[in-house]
Amino acid sequence: MKNNFLDENGYYGRFGGAYVPEILQKNISELKGQYLKIMNDPKFKAELNRLLHHYVGRPTPLYYASRLSELYGTHIYLKREDLCHTGAHKLNNALGQLMLAKRMGKTRIVAETGAGQHGVGTATVCALMNMECVIYMGATDVKRQYLNVQRMRMLGAKVIPVTTGNGTLKDATNEAMRDWCCNPIDTYYIIGSVVGPDPYPDMVARFQSVISEEITKQLKKQTGREAPDYLIACVGGGSNAAGTFFKYLENEKVKLYVAEAAGFGLDYPLQSAATIHLGREGVLHGSKTMVMMDGDGQIAEAFSISAGLDYPGIGPLHAYLAETGRSKVFAITDSEAMSAALTLTQKEGIIPAIESAHALAVLDKCRFKSSDVVVITVSGRGDKDMNTFAEYFHL
């Protein structure tokens, strides 16, 4: 499997690289030298595929949403990552990276989490493989995603609330990287998205590429064609979107639509997480990418009703795809996402995560032909968001 957009120095065009403290240089160099060899090892691949099937529950269904299709006058398929064990796509990557960490002799795992799904995924595989697990989570997210905090603790993970900044994903990532700097020998940092220093963006995209591999086979079986006309996915860091797009990156007949969280809207930059629309080039968490900043060049606090999308950066692959025009990016407000969540719930009986609802909201911003095939990745289920839904809709 290759990714021609990534050069040998770890850049997608001008985005990417590895901007890390000297104490982590050895770790990054070791990881970069080994990850592809390990991932391509037949024994590793066989064991990963076995667990993806028997433990994670893959392949996840590609579901033809007939009532949604009728509403929008086109053919809409939902890639049901919400049906993965633990309720989101995050487990694909957490499992792969933990297996890789064990191969490299690491004995302790740290991770960051926003909505809690990556934290739950990491805690789950650490329980499965008997590894020490420490999860950093912003204090704000601990309150609004407390169900996932309880799940992580029940799985045996130590969950550390982070009170700096807004107490959200950026702040949790800061603390996880700080921990890694203090424990570089025995600790492996499982990054939850296509962010961070090279080789993490490529590695995470590869572990998530199982999504697009399955779409190819499932579409062929259901429609006779391997490629849709449109792929739609939400981005915070962008791992589910990277996995959805991966097999189709070089097929320009397939249009790639990205939904980022606009919060209150693009006219309210202090209450938004629309990094691609509002950000500018900078370095965040080890890579050069688009970053939301204030007038003094300091990292801005992102805002979204979705705990998994309020990140002031974006994966360097997505920054590149947007800059080159390979992807089209839609800024979805909180209200648009919540409306789309309700539509899916009442039309198809599927309650999506608020993150995924941002992707669904793109449907209201486009016109599709009746013959088009549109695939939307439902990256997670809405159980974790029921308190937010209940408050918003006065249930």
Protein backbone atom coordinates (compact mmCIF):
# COMPACT_ATOMS: atom_id res chain seq x y z
CA MET A 1 0.00 0.00 0.00
CA LYS A 2 1.42 3.38 -0.92
CA ASN A 3 0.57 6.99 -0.41
CA ASN A 4 2.06 9.09 -3.20
CA PHE A 5 1.14 12.38 -1.53
CA LEU A 6 3.74 11.77 1.21
CA ASP A 7 7.42 12.41 0.44
CA GLU A 8 10.44 10.72 2.02
CA ASN A 9 10.81 13.55 4.53
CA GLY A 10 7.32 13.12 5.90
CA TYR A 11 5.63 16.04 4.13
CA TYR A 12 2.42 16.35 2.16
CA GLY A 13 3.45 19.30 0.03
CA ARG A 14 4.43 21.96 2.59
CA PHE A 15 2.58 20.27 5.47
CA GLY A 16 3.89 17.59 7.82
CA GLY A 17 7.37 16.88 9.17
CA ALA A 18 8.49 16.06 12.69
CA TYR A 19 8.90 19.03 15.03
CA VAL A 20 9.66 17.34 18.34
CA PRO A 21 11.95 17.94 21.35
CA GLU A 22 15.40 16.39 21.21
CA ILE A 23 14.46 13.84 23.87
CA LEU A 24 11.90 12.31 21.46
CA GLN A 25 14.08 12.32 18.35
CA LYS A 26 15.24 8.76 18.96
CA ASN A 27 11.69 7.52 19.49
CA ILE A 28 10.46 9.17 16.30
CA SER A 29 13.43 7.94 14.29
CA GLU A 30 12.95 4.39 15.60
CA LEU A 31 9.23 4.47 14.83
CA LYS A 32 9.78 5.85 11.33
CA GLY A 33 12.35 3.15 10.62
CA GLN A 34 10.17 0.28 11.81
CA TYR A 35 6.46 0.99 11.34
CA LEU A 36 6.18 -0.01 7.68
CA LYS A 37 8.36 -3.10 8.16
CA ILE A 38 6.21 -4.23 11.08
CA MET A 39 2.90 -3.39 9.39
CA ASN A 40 3.92 -5.32 6.27
CA ASP A 41 5.15 -8.37 8.19
CA PRO A 42 2.88 -11.32 7.25
CA LYS A 43 2.51 -12.49 10.88
CA PHE A 44 1.61 -8.98 12.07
CA LYS A 45 -0.92 -8.54 9.27
CA ALA A 46 -2.49 -11.92 9.92
CA GLU A 47 -2.91 -11.26 13.65
CA LEU A 48 -4.24 -7.73 13.06
CA ASN A 49 -6.75 -9.01 10.50
CA ARG A 50 -7.83 -11.80 12.87
CA LEU A 51 -8.53 -9.32 15.66
CA LEU A 52 -10.19 -6.80 13.33
CA HIS A 53 -12.61 -9.52 12.31
CA HIS A 54 -13.23 -11.46 15.51
CA TYR A 55 -12.74 -8.68 18.10
CA VAL A 56 -13.49 -5.34 16.43
CA GLY A 57 -16.32 -6.79 14.32
CA ARG A 58 -15.11 -5.96 10.84
CA PRO A 59 -16.14 -5.61 8.12
CA THR A 60 -18.64 -3.00 9.22
CA PRO A 61 -21.76 -2.79 7.02
CA LEU A 62 -22.18 -0.47 4.06
CA TYR A 63 -25.85 0.32 4.52
CA TYR A 64 -28.12 1.68 1.78
CA ALA A 65 -30.15 4.40 3.50
CA SER A 66 -33.35 4.23 1.45
CA ARG A 67 -35.37 6.89 3.27
CA LEU A 68 -32.42 9.30 3.37
CA SER A 69 -31.82 8.60 -0.33
CA GLU A 70 -35.44 9.39 -1.11
CA LEU A 71 -35.25 12.64 0.87
CA TYR A 72 -32.19 13.90 -1.04
CA GLY A 73 -32.99 12.37 -4.43
CA THR A 74 -29.81 10.34 -4.77
CA HIS A 75 -28.25 7.04 -3.64
CA ILE A 76 -26.82 7.36 -0.11
CA TYR A 77 -24.81 4.62 1.56
CA LEU A 78 -23.63 4.80 5.17
CA LYS A 79 -20.34 3.20 6.18
CA ARG A 80 -21.31 2.02 9.65
CA GLU A 81 -18.18 2.57 11.77
CA ASP A 82 -20.59 3.16 14.65
CA LEU A 83 -21.04 -0.62 14.71
CA CYS A 84 -17.40 -1.29 15.59
CA HIS A 85 -16.75 -2.68 19.06
CA THR A 86 -16.62 0.35 21.43
CA GLY A 87 -18.81 2.36 19.03
CA ALA A 88 -16.41 4.15 16.68
CA HIS A 89 -13.67 3.83 14.10
CA LYS A 90 -11.04 4.66 16.73
CA LEU A 91 -10.49 1.02 17.66
CA ASN A 92 -8.99 0.23 14.21
CA ASN A 93 -6.04 2.50 14.92
CA ALA A 94 -5.71 1.86 18.66
CA LEU A 95 -5.46 -1.88 18.06
CA GLY A 96 -2.88 -1.54 15.31
CA GLN A 97 -0.69 0.87 17.22
CA LEU A 98 -0.78 -1.18 20.42
CA MET A 99 0.31 -4.28 18.52
CA LEU A 100 3.11 -2.21 16.99
CA ALA A 101 4.13 -0.86 20.41
CA LYS A 102 4.41 -4.39 21.82
CA ARG A 103 6.57 -5.40 18.85
CA MET A 104 8.86 -2.48 19.73
CA GLY A 105 9.16 -3.61 23.36
CA LYS A 106 7.14 -0.82 24.97
CA THR A 107 5.37 -1.56 28.27
CA ARG A 108 3.36 1.59 28.97
CA ILE A 109 0.78 3.41 26.84
CA VAL A 110 -0.32 7.06 26.94
CA ALA A 111 -3.04 8.62 24.81
CA GLU A 112 -5.13 11.76 24.48
CA THR A 113 -8.86 11.86 23.95
CA GLY A 114 -11.56 14.44 23.25
CA ALA A 115 -14.95 12.80 22.82
CA GLY A 116 -13.54 9.82 24.69
CA GLN A 117 -13.81 7.29 21.86
CA HIS A 118 -10.05 7.11 21.25
CA GLY A 119 -9.53 6.86 24.99
CA VAL A 120 -12.05 4.03 25.23
CA GLY A 121 -10.48 2.30 22.23
CA THR A 122 -7.00 2.58 23.73
CA ALA A 123 -8.15 1.44 27.17
CA THR A 124 -9.95 -1.48 25.54
CA VAL A 125 -6.94 -2.84 23.69
CA CYS A 126 -4.68 -2.22 26.70
CA ALA A 127 -7.04 -4.37 28.77
CA LEU A 128 -7.02 -6.99 26.01
CA MET A 129 -3.21 -7.11 25.94
CA ASN A 130 -2.43 -6.37 29.60
CA MET A 131 -0.67 -3.03 29.12
CA GLU A 132 -0.50 -0.08 31.53
CA CYS A 133 -2.71 2.72 30.17
CA VAL A 134 -2.83 6.44 30.97
CA ILE A 135 -5.40 8.64 29.22
CA TYR A 136 -5.29 12.45 29.24
CA MET A 137 -8.65 14.17 28.75
CA GLY A 138 -9.59 17.83 29.04
CA ALA A 139 -11.62 18.65 32.14
CA THR A 140 -14.38 20.18 29.99
CA ASP A 141 -14.63 16.97 27.98
CA VAL A 142 -14.59 14.85 31.15
CA LYS A 143 -17.84 16.55 32.18
CA ARG A 144 -19.65 16.34 28.84
CA GLN A 145 -18.43 12.83 27.99
CA TYR A 146 -18.49 11.30 31.47
CA LEU A 147 -19.96 8.00 30.27
CA ASN A 148 -16.76 7.37 28.33
CA VAL A 149 -14.67 8.33 31.37
CA GLN A 150 -16.49 5.65 33.37
CA ARG A 151 -15.87 3.13 30.59
CA MET A 152 -12.15 3.90 30.50
CA ARG A 153 -11.82 3.55 34.26
CA MET A 154 -13.75 0.28 34.29
CA LEU A 155 -11.33 -1.00 31.63
CA GLY A 156 -8.45 -0.27 34.01
CA ALA A 157 -7.08 2.94 32.51
CA LYS A 158 -5.93 5.89 34.59
CA VAL A 159 -7.83 8.94 33.33
CA ILE A 160 -6.15 12.27 34.09
CA PRO A 161 -8.32 15.40 33.67
CA VAL A 162 -6.45 18.35 32.16
CA THR A 163 -7.44 21.78 33.48
CA THR A 164 -5.21 24.03 31.36
CA GLY A 165 -6.64 26.11 28.48
CA ASN A 166 -10.25 25.26 27.69
CA GLY A 167 -9.79 21.76 29.06
CA THR A 168 -10.39 20.17 25.64
CA LEU A 169 -8.56 18.04 23.07
CA LYS A 170 -5.63 20.40 22.42
CA ASP A 171 -4.84 20.57 26.12
CA ALA A 172 -5.10 16.79 26.53
CA THR A 173 -2.69 16.33 23.63
CA ASN A 174 -0.23 18.77 25.21
CA GLU A 175 -0.19 16.74 28.42
CA ALA A 176 0.12 13.38 26.65
CA MET A 177 3.14 14.64 24.72
CA ARG A 178 4.63 16.04 27.93
CA ASP A 179 4.25 12.63 29.57
CA TRP A 180 5.95 10.97 26.59
CA CYS A 181 8.86 13.41 26.87
CA CYS A 182 9.27 12.44 30.54
CA ASN A 183 9.08 8.69 29.83
CA PRO A 184 10.69 8.14 26.43
CA ILE A 185 12.16 4.69 27.10
CA ASP A 186 9.25 2.48 28.15
CA THR A 187 6.29 4.55 26.90
CA TYR A 188 4.53 4.54 23.56
CA TYR A 189 2.14 7.38 22.66
CA ILE A 190 -0.91 6.16 20.72
CA ILE A 191 -2.01 9.27 18.83
CA GLY A 192 -5.68 9.06 17.96
CA SER A 193 -5.78 10.92 14.66
CA VAL A 194 -3.76 11.76 11.55
CA VAL A 195 -1.93 14.49 13.46
CA GLY A 196 1.41 14.73 15.24
CA PRO A 197 4.97 14.26 13.99
CA ASP A 198 5.83 12.07 11.01
CA PRO A 199 5.27 9.10 10.76
CA TYR A 200 2.04 9.27 12.83
CA PRO A 201 -0.20 10.87 10.16
CA ASP A 202 0.69 8.22 7.59
CA MET A 203 0.64 5.36 10.10
CA VAL A 204 -2.80 6.26 11.46
CA ALA A 205 -4.17 6.71 7.92
CA ARG A 206 -2.90 3.23 7.03
CA PHE A 207 -4.50 1.61 10.07
CA GLN A 208 -7.77 3.38 9.22
CA SER A 209 -7.53 2.56 5.50
CA VAL A 210 -9.44 -0.64 6.23
CA ILE A 211 -12.53 1.58 5.95
CA SER A 212 -11.95 2.43 2.27
CA GLU A 213 -10.75 -1.08 1.49
CA GLU A 214 -14.09 -2.41 2.69
CA ILE A 215 -16.06 0.30 0.87
CA THR A 216 -14.41 -0.77 -2.40
CA LYS A 217 -15.42 -4.41 -1.98
CA GLN A 218 -18.88 -3.70 -0.56
CA LEU A 219 -19.79 -1.22 -3.29
CA LYS A 220 -18.68 -3.69 -5.94
CA LYS A 221 -20.93 -6.35 -4.45
CA GLN A 222 -23.94 -4.05 -3.99
CA THR A 223 -23.73 -1.82 -7.07
CA GLY A 224 -21.28 -3.45 -9.47
CA ARG A 225 -18.86 -0.52 -9.17
CA GLU A 226 -15.89 -0.08 -6.83
CA ALA A 227 -15.88 3.71 -6.60
CA PRO A 228 -18.61 6.11 -5.46
CA ASP A 229 -19.14 9.54 -6.95
CA TYR A 230 -18.77 11.22 -3.54
CA LEU A 231 -17.18 10.36 -0.22
CA ILE A 232 -18.16 12.45 2.80
CA ALA A 233 -16.56 12.41 6.25
CA CYS A 234 -16.05 14.72 9.22
CA VAL A 235 -12.67 15.98 10.42
CA GLY A 236 -11.30 17.08 13.76
CA GLY A 237 -7.79 15.75 13.30
CA GLY A 238 -9.20 13.68 10.46
CA SER A 239 -8.57 9.95 10.96
CA ASN A 240 -11.96 8.60 9.88
CA ALA A 241 -11.84 10.84 6.80
CA ALA A 242 -8.29 9.70 5.98
CA GLY A 243 -9.38 6.08 6.26
CA THR A 244 -12.47 6.72 4.13
CA PHE A 245 -10.48 8.50 1.43
CA PHE A 246 -7.24 6.47 1.43
CA LYS A 247 -7.93 4.00 -1.39
CA TYR A 248 -9.44 6.76 -3.53
CA LEU A 249 -6.89 9.56 -3.04
CA GLU A 250 -5.53 9.26 -6.56
CA ASN A 251 -8.88 8.57 -8.24
CA GLU A 252 -9.98 12.10 -9.06
CA LYS A 253 -13.32 10.87 -10.35
CA VAL A 254 -14.26 10.38 -6.70
CA LYS A 255 -15.04 13.72 -5.06
CA LEU A 256 -13.83 14.03 -1.47
CA TYR A 257 -16.08 16.15 0.76
CA VAL A 258 -14.89 17.16 4.23
CA ALA A 259 -17.02 18.52 7.08
CA GLU A 260 -15.27 20.56 9.75
CA ALA A 261 -16.89 22.00 12.85
CA ALA A 262 -17.78 25.68 12.51
CA GLY A 263 -19.30 25.99 15.98
CA PHE A 264 -21.34 29.20 15.97
CA GLY A 265 -20.20 29.94 12.39
CA LEU A 266 -17.30 31.39 10.42
CA ASP A 267 -18.26 34.90 11.51
CA TYR A 268 -17.42 33.87 15.09
CA PRO A 269 -13.76 32.75 14.93
CA LEU A 270 -13.47 32.57 18.73
CA GLN A 271 -16.39 30.12 18.83
CA SER A 272 -15.42 27.83 15.99
CA ALA A 273 -13.20 24.87 15.14
CA ALA A 274 -13.15 25.42 11.36
CA THR A 275 -9.36 25.20 11.06
CA ILE A 276 -9.13 24.86 7.28
CA HIS A 277 -11.36 27.90 6.77
CA LEU A 278 -10.00 30.10 9.55
CA GLY A 279 -6.47 28.85 10.26
CA ARG A 280 -3.06 29.65 8.88
CA GLU A 281 0.22 27.76 8.56
CA GLY A 282 1.85 26.88 11.86
CA VAL A 283 3.29 24.06 13.93
CA LEU A 284 1.06 22.16 16.33
CA HIS A 285 1.79 18.95 18.22
CA GLY A 286 4.80 18.04 16.11
CA SER A 287 3.78 18.85 12.55
CA LYS A 288 3.41 21.83 10.24
CA THR A 289 -0.21 22.24 9.26
CA MET A 290 -3.10 24.70 9.30
CA VAL A 291 -3.64 26.03 12.81
CA MET A 292 -6.14 28.41 14.39
CA MET A 293 -4.22 31.31 15.96
CA ASP A 294 -4.89 34.64 17.57
CA GLY A 295 -3.44 37.94 16.36
CA ASP A 296 -0.19 37.30 18.25
CA GLY A 297 0.35 33.90 16.66
CA GLN A 298 -0.67 31.96 19.77
CA ILE A 299 -2.75 28.79 19.41
CA ALA A 300 -6.42 29.72 19.68
CA GLU A 301 -8.99 27.77 21.66
CA ALA A 302 -11.32 25.89 19.33
CA PHE A 303 -15.02 25.50 20.04
CA SER A 304 -17.64 23.01 18.89
CA ILE A 305 -20.64 21.28 20.40
CA SER A 306 -18.78 18.11 19.40
CA ALA A 307 -16.05 17.10 21.84
CA GLY A 308 -14.23 15.17 19.12
CA LEU A 309 -13.97 18.05 16.63
CA ASP A 310 -12.96 21.04 18.78
CA TYR A 311 -9.28 20.85 17.80
CA PRO A 312 -7.45 23.99 16.57
CA GLY A 313 -5.44 22.08 13.97
CA ILE A 314 -5.96 19.54 11.20
CA GLY A 315 -3.98 16.56 9.96
CA PRO A 316 -1.33 17.61 7.41
CA LEU A 317 -2.81 15.29 4.79
CA HIS A 318 -6.14 17.13 5.00
CA ALA A 319 -4.41 20.51 4.90
CA TYR A 320 -2.72 19.38 1.69
CA LEU A 321 -5.88 17.94 0.13
CA ALA A 322 -7.75 21.18 0.81
CA GLU A 323 -4.96 23.44 -0.44
CA THR A 324 -4.59 21.51 -3.70
CA GLY A 325 -8.33 21.33 -4.28
CA ARG A 326 -8.44 17.54 -4.03
CA SER A 327 -10.99 17.86 -1.26
CA LYS A 328 -13.82 20.32 -0.78
CA VAL A 329 -14.30 21.53 2.79
CA PHE A 330 -17.64 22.51 4.32
CA ALA A 331 -17.91 24.47 7.56
CA ILE A 332 -20.81 22.94 9.49
CA THR A 333 -22.33 24.84 12.41
CA ASP A 334 -23.51 23.27 15.63
CA SER A 335 -27.15 23.79 14.70
CA GLU A 336 -26.69 22.27 11.23
CA ALA A 337 -25.02 19.19 12.71
CA MET A 338 -27.70 18.71 15.35
CA SER A 339 -30.43 19.02 12.74
CA ALA A 340 -28.70 16.41 10.56
CA ALA A 341 -28.40 14.06 13.53
CA LEU A 342 -32.13 14.30 14.15
CA THR A 343 -32.90 13.70 10.48
CA LEU A 344 -30.85 10.49 10.36
CA THR A 345 -32.32 9.31 13.64
CA GLN A 346 -35.91 9.78 12.56
CA LYS A 347 -35.47 8.67 8.95
CA GLU A 348 -33.27 5.60 9.46
CA GLY A 349 -33.39 4.77 13.17
CA ILE A 350 -29.65 5.44 13.55
CA ILE A 351 -28.48 7.87 16.23
CA PRO A 352 -25.05 9.15 15.09
CA ALA A 353 -22.29 10.70 17.15
CA ILE A 354 -22.38 14.49 16.92
CA GLU A 355 -19.03 14.28 15.11
CA SER A 356 -20.59 12.11 12.39
CA ALA A 357 -23.62 14.41 12.18
CA HIS A 358 -21.33 17.10 10.75
CA ALA A 359 -20.69 14.85 7.73
CA LEU A 360 -24.40 14.18 7.33
CA ALA A 361 -25.09 17.93 7.31
CA VAL A 362 -23.14 18.26 4.05
CA LEU A 363 -26.16 16.73 2.31
CA ASP A 364 -28.09 19.96 2.84
CA LYS A 365 -25.35 22.00 1.16
CA CYS A 366 -25.12 20.05 -2.10
CA ARG A 367 -27.17 18.98 -5.06
CA PHE A 368 -26.65 15.45 -6.28
CA LYS A 369 -27.83 13.73 -9.43
CA SER A 370 -30.36 10.95 -9.05
CA SER A 371 -27.77 8.51 -10.43
CA ASP A 372 -24.99 9.53 -8.00
CA VAL A 373 -23.62 7.18 -5.38
CA VAL A 374 -22.76 9.00 -2.16
CA VAL A 375 -20.96 7.26 0.71
CA ILE A 376 -20.97 8.92 4.14
CA THR A 377 -18.92 7.53 7.00
CA VAL A 378 -20.85 7.40 10.26
CA SER A 379 -17.71 7.44 12.37
CA GLY A 380 -19.37 6.81 15.73
CA ARG A 381 -22.64 6.19 17.49
CA GLY A 382 -24.53 8.73 19.54
CA ASP A 383 -24.81 6.94 22.89
CA LYS A 384 -22.04 9.10 24.35
CA ASP A 385 -23.84 12.28 23.24
CA MET A 386 -27.31 11.57 24.61
CA ASN A 387 -27.00 14.14 27.39
CA THR A 388 -26.11 16.81 24.83
CA PHE A 389 -28.93 15.71 22.51
CA ALA A 390 -31.42 15.64 25.37
CA GLU A 391 -30.49 19.15 26.49
CA TYR A 392 -30.44 20.55 22.95
CA PHE A 393 -33.76 19.04 21.84
CA HIS A 394 -35.44 19.33 25.27
CA LEU A 395 -36.16 15.62 25.30
